[in-house]
Amino acid sequence: TAYKNLGFDIKDYPNAYALFENAI
């Protein structure tokens, strides 16, 4: 939320999201 409120959108960081999605 803090960084969404600063204007950042996860759509602009597809590699970061892909790493997160299946990380354990």
PDB file of all heavy atoms in Angstrom:
ATOM      1  N   THR A   1       0.824  -1.221   0.000  1.00  0.00           N
ATOM      2  CA  THR A   1       0.000   0.000   0.000  1.00  0.00           C
ATOM      3  C   THR A   1       0.856   1.269   0.000  1.00  0.00           C
ATOM      4  O   THR A   1       0.572   2.223  -0.736  1.00  0.00           O
ATOM      5  CB  THR A   1      -0.932   0.002   1.225  1.00  0.00           C
ATOM      6  OG1 THR A   1      -1.789  -1.145   1.156  1.00  0.00           O
ATOM      7  CG2 THR A   1      -1.783   1.268   1.268  1.00  0.00           C
ATOM      8  N   ALA A   2       1.902   1.284   0.819  1.00  0.00           N
ATOM      9  CA  ALA A   2       2.738   2.491   0.932  1.00  0.00           C
ATOM     10  C   ALA A   2       3.295   2.917  -0.414  1.00  0.00           C
ATOM     11  O   ALA A   2       3.357   4.120  -0.726  1.00  0.00           O
ATOM     12  CB  ALA A   2       3.880   2.241   1.913  1.00  0.00           C
ATOM     13  N   TYR A   3       3.697   1.946  -1.229  1.00  0.00           N
ATOM     14  CA  TYR A   3       4.333   2.262  -2.506  1.00  0.00           C
ATOM     15  C   TYR A   3       3.310   2.431  -3.623  1.00  0.00           C
ATOM     16  O   TYR A   3       3.549   3.188  -4.574  1.00  0.00           O
ATOM     17  CB  TYR A   3       5.409   1.218  -2.819  1.00  0.00           C
ATOM     18  CG  TYR A   3       6.465   1.269  -1.738  1.00  0.00           C
ATOM     19  CD1 TYR A   3       6.413   0.388  -0.653  1.00  0.00           C
ATOM     20  CD2 TYR A   3       7.443   2.252  -1.738  1.00  0.00           C
ATOM     21  CE1 TYR A   3       7.335   0.474   0.382  1.00  0.00           C
ATOM     22  CE2 TYR A   3       8.371   2.343  -0.705  1.00  0.00           C
ATOM     23  CZ  TYR A   3       8.310   1.456   0.348  1.00  0.00           C
ATOM     24  OH  TYR A   3       9.219   1.568   1.377  1.00  0.00           O
ATOM     25  N   LYS A   4       2.159   1.781  -3.495  1.00  0.00           N
ATOM     26  CA  LYS A   4       1.043   2.091  -4.397  1.00  0.00           C
ATOM     27  C   LYS A   4       0.660   3.563  -4.246  1.00  0.00           C
ATOM     28  O   LYS A   4       0.397   4.259  -5.224  1.00  0.00           O
ATOM     29  CB  LYS A   4      -0.167   1.211  -4.082  1.00  0.00           C
ATOM     30  CG  LYS A   4      -0.025  -0.247  -4.462  1.00  0.00           C
ATOM     31  CD  LYS A   4      -1.283  -1.018  -4.058  1.00  0.00           C
ATOM     32  CE  LYS A   4      -1.176  -2.496  -4.338  1.00  0.00           C
ATOM     33  NZ  LYS A   4      -2.384  -3.236  -3.880  1.00  0.00           N
ATOM     34  N   ASN A   5       0.630   4.011  -2.985  1.00  0.00           N
ATOM     35  CA  ASN A   5       0.261   5.403  -2.719  1.00  0.00           C
ATOM     36  C   ASN A   5       1.289   6.400  -3.246  1.00  0.00           C
ATOM     37  O   ASN A   5       0.977   7.582  -3.427  1.00  0.00           O
ATOM     38  CB  ASN A   5       0.062   5.618  -1.214  1.00  0.00           C
ATOM     39  CG  ASN A   5      -1.184   4.924  -0.690  1.00  0.00           C
ATOM     40  OD1 ASN A   5      -2.069   4.546  -1.454  1.00  0.00           O
ATOM     41  ND2 ASN A   5      -1.260   4.743   0.624  1.00  0.00           N
ATOM     42  N   LEU A   6       2.509   5.918  -3.478  1.00  0.00           N
ATOM     43  CA  LEU A   6       3.540   6.774  -4.080  1.00  0.00           C
ATOM     44  C   LEU A   6       3.485   6.742  -5.604  1.00  0.00           C
ATOM     45  O   LEU A   6       4.285   7.411  -6.271  1.00  0.00           O
ATOM     46  CB  LEU A   6       4.928   6.337  -3.607  1.00  0.00           C
ATOM     47  CG  LEU A   6       5.269   6.621  -2.137  1.00  0.00           C
ATOM     48  CD1 LEU A   6       6.609   5.995  -1.773  1.00  0.00           C
ATOM     49  CD2 LEU A   6       5.281   8.115  -1.857  1.00  0.00           C
ATOM     50  N   GLY A   7       2.554   5.953  -6.156  1.00  0.00           N
ATOM     51  CA  GLY A   7       2.355   5.936  -7.601  1.00  0.00           C
ATOM     52  C   GLY A   7       2.958   4.751  -8.328  1.00  0.00           C
ATOM     53  O   GLY A   7       2.905   4.684  -9.557  1.00  0.00           O
ATOM     54  N   PHE A   8       3.510   3.785  -7.591  1.00  0.00           N
ATOM     55  CA  PHE A   8       4.114   2.628  -8.244  1.00  0.00           C
ATOM     56  C   PHE A   8       3.053   1.574  -8.551  1.00  0.00           C
ATOM     57  O   PHE A   8       2.146   1.345  -7.757  1.00  0.00           O
ATOM     58  CB  PHE A   8       5.216   2.027  -7.372  1.00  0.00           C
ATOM     59  CG  PHE A   8       6.372   2.964  -7.147  1.00  0.00           C
ATOM     60  CD1 PHE A   8       6.533   3.608  -5.929  1.00  0.00           C
ATOM     61  CD2 PHE A   8       7.280   3.221  -8.164  1.00  0.00           C
ATOM     62  CE1 PHE A   8       7.592   4.482  -5.724  1.00  0.00           C
ATOM     63  CE2 PHE A   8       8.345   4.092  -7.966  1.00  0.00           C
ATOM     64  CZ  PHE A   8       8.500   4.728  -6.748  1.00  0.00           C
ATOM     65  N   ASP A   9       3.187   0.925  -9.714  1.00  0.00           N
ATOM     66  CA  ASP A   9       2.220  -0.074 -10.183  1.00  0.00           C
ATOM     67  C   ASP A   9       2.976  -1.354 -10.515  1.00  0.00           C
ATOM     68  O   ASP A   9       3.941  -1.333 -11.283  1.00  0.00           O
ATOM     69  CB  ASP A   9       1.504   0.456 -11.434  1.00  0.00           C
ATOM     70  CG  ASP A   9       0.339  -0.427 -11.867  1.00  0.00           C
ATOM     71  OD1 ASP A   9       0.380  -1.643 -11.609  1.00  0.00           O
ATOM     72  OD2 ASP A   9      -0.604   0.101 -12.485  1.00  0.00           O
ATOM     73  N   ILE A  10       2.546  -2.473  -9.953  1.00  0.00           N
ATOM     74  CA  ILE A  10       3.237  -3.753 -10.152  1.00  0.00           C
ATOM     75  C   ILE A  10       3.293  -4.140 -11.631  1.00  0.00           C
ATOM     76  O   ILE A  10       4.200  -4.890 -12.046  1.00  0.00           O
ATOM     77  CB  ILE A  10       2.580  -4.871  -9.306  1.00  0.00           C
ATOM     78  CG1 ILE A  10       3.481  -6.121  -9.255  1.00  0.00           C
ATOM     79  CG2 ILE A  10       1.197  -5.187  -9.831  1.00  0.00           C
ATOM     80  CD1 ILE A  10       4.824  -5.912  -8.630  1.00  0.00           C
ATOM     81  N   LYS A  11       2.383  -3.641 -12.443  1.00  0.00           N
ATOM     82  CA  LYS A  11       2.399  -3.948 -13.880  1.00  0.00           C
ATOM     83  C   LYS A  11       3.684  -3.470 -14.551  1.00  0.00           C
ATOM     84  O   LYS A  11       4.078  -3.999 -15.593  1.00  0.00           O
ATOM     85  CB  LYS A  11       1.192  -3.307 -14.564  1.00  0.00           C
ATOM     86  CG  LYS A  11      -0.140  -3.922 -14.164  1.00  0.00           C
ATOM     87  CD  LYS A  11      -1.302  -3.187 -14.820  1.00  0.00           C
ATOM     88  CE  LYS A  11      -2.649  -3.741 -14.359  1.00  0.00           C
ATOM     89  NZ  LYS A  11      -3.790  -2.958 -14.915  1.00  0.00           N
ATOM     90  N   ASP A  12       4.328  -2.493 -13.936  1.00  0.00           N
ATOM     91  CA  ASP A  12       5.581  -1.972 -14.494  1.00  0.00           C
ATOM     92  C   ASP A  12       6.792  -2.794 -14.062  1.00  0.00           C
ATOM     93  O   ASP A  12       7.920  -2.497 -14.481  1.00  0.00           O
ATOM     94  CB  ASP A  12       5.779  -0.515 -14.063  1.00  0.00           C
ATOM     95  CG  ASP A  12       4.681   0.401 -14.580  1.00  0.00           C
ATOM     96  OD1 ASP A  12       4.223   0.182 -15.723  1.00  0.00           O
ATOM     97  OD2 ASP A  12       4.271   1.322 -13.837  1.00  0.00           O
ATOM     98  N   TYR A  13       6.554  -3.825 -13.239  1.00  0.00           N
ATOM     99  CA  TYR A  13       7.658  -4.633 -12.698  1.00  0.00           C
ATOM    100  C   TYR A  13       7.323  -6.120 -12.866  1.00  0.00           C
ATOM    101  O   TYR A  13       7.226  -6.863 -11.878  1.00  0.00           O
ATOM    102  CB  TYR A  13       7.899  -4.266 -11.232  1.00  0.00           C
ATOM    103  CG  TYR A  13       8.085  -2.783 -11.049  1.00  0.00           C
ATOM    104  CD1 TYR A  13       6.996  -1.949 -10.760  1.00  0.00           C
ATOM    105  CD2 TYR A  13       9.341  -2.200 -11.211  1.00  0.00           C
ATOM    106  CE1 TYR A  13       7.160  -0.579 -10.637  1.00  0.00           C
ATOM    107  CE2 TYR A  13       9.506  -0.820 -11.093  1.00  0.00           C
ATOM    108  CZ  TYR A  13       8.416  -0.016 -10.805  1.00  0.00           C
ATOM    109  OH  TYR A  13       8.581   1.343 -10.694  1.00  0.00           O
ATOM    110  N   PRO A  14       7.152  -6.569 -14.108  1.00  0.00           N
ATOM    111  CA  PRO A  14       6.689  -7.950 -14.349  1.00  0.00           C
ATOM    112  C   PRO A  14       7.670  -9.013 -13.865  1.00  0.00           C
ATOM    113  O   PRO A  14       7.240 -10.090 -13.423  1.00  0.00           O
ATOM    114  CB  PRO A  14       6.520  -8.007 -15.877  1.00  0.00           C
ATOM    115  CG  PRO A  14       7.420  -6.918 -16.409  1.00  0.00           C
ATOM    116  CD  PRO A  14       7.369  -5.838 -15.371  1.00  0.00           C
ATOM    117  N   ASN A  15       8.958  -8.744 -13.946  1.00  0.00           N
ATOM    118  CA  ASN A  15       9.933  -9.750 -13.510  1.00  0.00           C
ATOM    119  C   ASN A  15       9.881  -9.944 -11.998  1.00  0.00           C
ATOM    120  O   ASN A  15       9.993 -11.075 -11.496  1.00  0.00           O
ATOM    121  CB  ASN A  15      11.345  -9.350 -13.936  1.00  0.00           C
ATOM    122  CG  ASN A  15      11.518  -9.347 -15.441  1.00  0.00           C
ATOM    123  OD1 ASN A  15      10.781 -10.011 -16.161  1.00  0.00           O
ATOM    124  ND2 ASN A  15      12.476  -8.582 -15.935  1.00  0.00           N
ATOM    125  N   ALA A  16       9.726  -8.844 -11.273  1.00  0.00           N
ATOM    126  CA  ALA A  16       9.615  -8.933  -9.813  1.00  0.00           C
ATOM    127  C   ALA A  16       8.372  -9.735  -9.427  1.00  0.00           C
ATOM    128  O   ALA A  16       8.424 -10.594  -8.535  1.00  0.00           O
ATOM    129  CB  ALA A  16       9.562  -7.541  -9.200  1.00  0.00           C
ATOM    130  N   TYR A  17       7.266  -9.483 -10.111  1.00  0.00           N
ATOM    131  CA  TYR A  17       6.040 -10.201  -9.771  1.00  0.00           C
ATOM    132  C   TYR A  17       6.171 -11.689 -10.088  1.00  0.00           C
ATOM    133  O   TYR A  17       5.735 -12.544  -9.303  1.00  0.00           O
ATOM    134  CB  TYR A  17       4.829  -9.625 -10.518  1.00  0.00           C
ATOM    135  CG  TYR A  17       3.545 -10.274 -10.072  1.00  0.00           C
ATOM    136  CD1 TYR A  17       2.957  -9.909  -8.859  1.00  0.00           C
ATOM    137  CD2 TYR A  17       2.952 -11.295 -10.805  1.00  0.00           C
ATOM    138  CE1 TYR A  17       1.801 -10.524  -8.407  1.00  0.00           C
ATOM    139  CE2 TYR A  17       1.803 -11.927 -10.370  1.00  0.00           C
ATOM    140  CZ  TYR A  17       1.230 -11.543  -9.162  1.00  0.00           C
ATOM    141  OH  TYR A  17       0.092 -12.158  -8.710  1.00  0.00           O
ATOM    142  N   ALA A  18       6.801 -12.015 -11.214  1.00  0.00           N
ATOM    143  CA  ALA A  18       6.967 -13.417 -11.597  1.00  0.00           C
ATOM    144  C   ALA A  18       7.832 -14.170 -10.576  1.00  0.00           C
ATOM    145  O   ALA A  18       7.563 -15.335 -10.263  1.00  0.00           O
ATOM    146  CB  ALA A  18       7.590 -13.510 -12.983  1.00  0.00           C
ATOM    147  N   LEU A  19       8.859 -13.509 -10.046  1.00  0.00           N
ATOM    148  CA  LEU A  19       9.705 -14.135  -9.021  1.00  0.00           C
ATOM    149  C   LEU A  19       8.930 -14.364  -7.734  1.00  0.00           C
ATOM    150  O   LEU A  19       9.102 -15.382  -7.054  1.00  0.00           O
ATOM    151  CB  LEU A  19      10.923 -13.264  -8.743  1.00  0.00           C
ATOM    152  CG  LEU A  19      12.033 -13.252  -9.796  1.00  0.00           C
ATOM    153  CD1 LEU A  19      13.049 -12.163  -9.481  1.00  0.00           C
ATOM    154  CD2 LEU A  19      12.722 -14.607  -9.861  1.00  0.00           C
ATOM    155  N   PHE A  20       8.088 -13.417  -7.398  1.00  0.00           N
ATOM    156  CA  PHE A  20       7.323 -13.486  -6.154  1.00  0.00           C
ATOM    157  C   PHE A  20       6.274 -14.594  -6.187  1.00  0.00           C
ATOM    158  O   PHE A  20       6.039 -15.284  -5.190  1.00  0.00           O
ATOM    159  CB  PHE A  20       6.648 -12.131  -5.911  1.00  0.00           C
ATOM    160  CG  PHE A  20       5.433 -12.168  -5.030  1.00  0.00           C
ATOM    161  CD1 PHE A  20       5.545 -12.377  -3.671  1.00  0.00           C
ATOM    162  CD2 PHE A  20       4.157 -11.994  -5.579  1.00  0.00           C
ATOM    163  CE1 PHE A  20       4.413 -12.408  -2.857  1.00  0.00           C
ATOM    164  CE2 PHE A  20       3.034 -12.029  -4.780  1.00  0.00           C
ATOM    165  CZ  PHE A  20       3.157 -12.242  -3.414  1.00  0.00           C
ATOM    166  N   GLU A  21       5.668 -14.804  -7.342  1.00  0.00           N
ATOM    167  CA  GLU A  21       4.467 -15.638  -7.435  1.00  0.00           C
ATOM    168  C   GLU A  21       4.697 -17.081  -7.001  1.00  0.00           C
ATOM    169  O   GLU A  21       3.805 -17.711  -6.430  1.00  0.00           O
ATOM    170  CB  GLU A  21       3.925 -15.597  -8.868  1.00  0.00           C
ATOM    171  CG  GLU A  21       2.513 -16.117  -8.975  1.00  0.00           C
ATOM    172  CD  GLU A  21       1.901 -15.858 -10.336  1.00  0.00           C
ATOM    173  OE1 GLU A  21       2.649 -15.767 -11.324  1.00  0.00           O
ATOM    174  OE2 GLU A  21       0.666 -15.757 -10.413  1.00  0.00           O
ATOM    175  N   ASN A  22       5.897 -17.622  -7.255  1.00  0.00           N
ATOM    176  CA  ASN A  22       6.117 -19.024  -6.886  1.00  0.00           C
ATOM    177  C   ASN A  22       7.293 -19.185  -5.920  1.00  0.00           C
ATOM    178  O   ASN A  22       7.939 -20.227  -5.871  1.00  0.00           O
ATOM    179  CB  ASN A  22       6.321 -19.896  -8.127  1.00  0.00           C
ATOM    180  CG  ASN A  22       7.522 -19.479  -8.965  1.00  0.00           C
ATOM    181  OD1 ASN A  22       8.137 -18.448  -8.705  1.00  0.00           O
ATOM    182  ND2 ASN A  22       7.851 -20.273  -9.975  1.00  0.00           N
ATOM    183  N   ALA A  23       7.559 -18.139  -5.127  1.00  0.00           N
ATOM    184  CA  ALA A  23       8.687 -18.154  -4.193  1.00  0.00           C
ATOM    185  C   ALA A  23       8.290 -18.749  -2.845  1.00  0.00           C
ATOM    186  O   ALA A  23       7.221 -18.444  -2.309  1.00  0.00           O
ATOM    187  CB  ALA A  23       9.208 -16.736  -3.990  1.00  0.00           C
ATOM    188  N   ILE A  24       9.162 -19.596  -2.330  1.00  0.00           N
ATOM    189  CA  ILE A  24       9.015 -20.147  -0.970  1.00  0.00           C
ATOM    190  C   ILE A  24      10.393 -20.131  -0.317  1.00  0.00           C
ATOM    191  O   ILE A  24      11.360 -20.632  -0.893  1.00  0.00           O
ATOM    192  CB  ILE A  24       8.485 -21.594  -0.974  1.00  0.00           C
ATOM    193  CG1 ILE A  24       7.125 -21.690  -1.676  1.00  0.00           C
ATOM    194  CG2 ILE A  24       8.382 -22.129   0.463  1.00  0.00           C
ATOM    195  CD1 ILE A  24       6.622 -23.116  -1.856  1.00  0.00           C
TER     196      ILE A  24
END
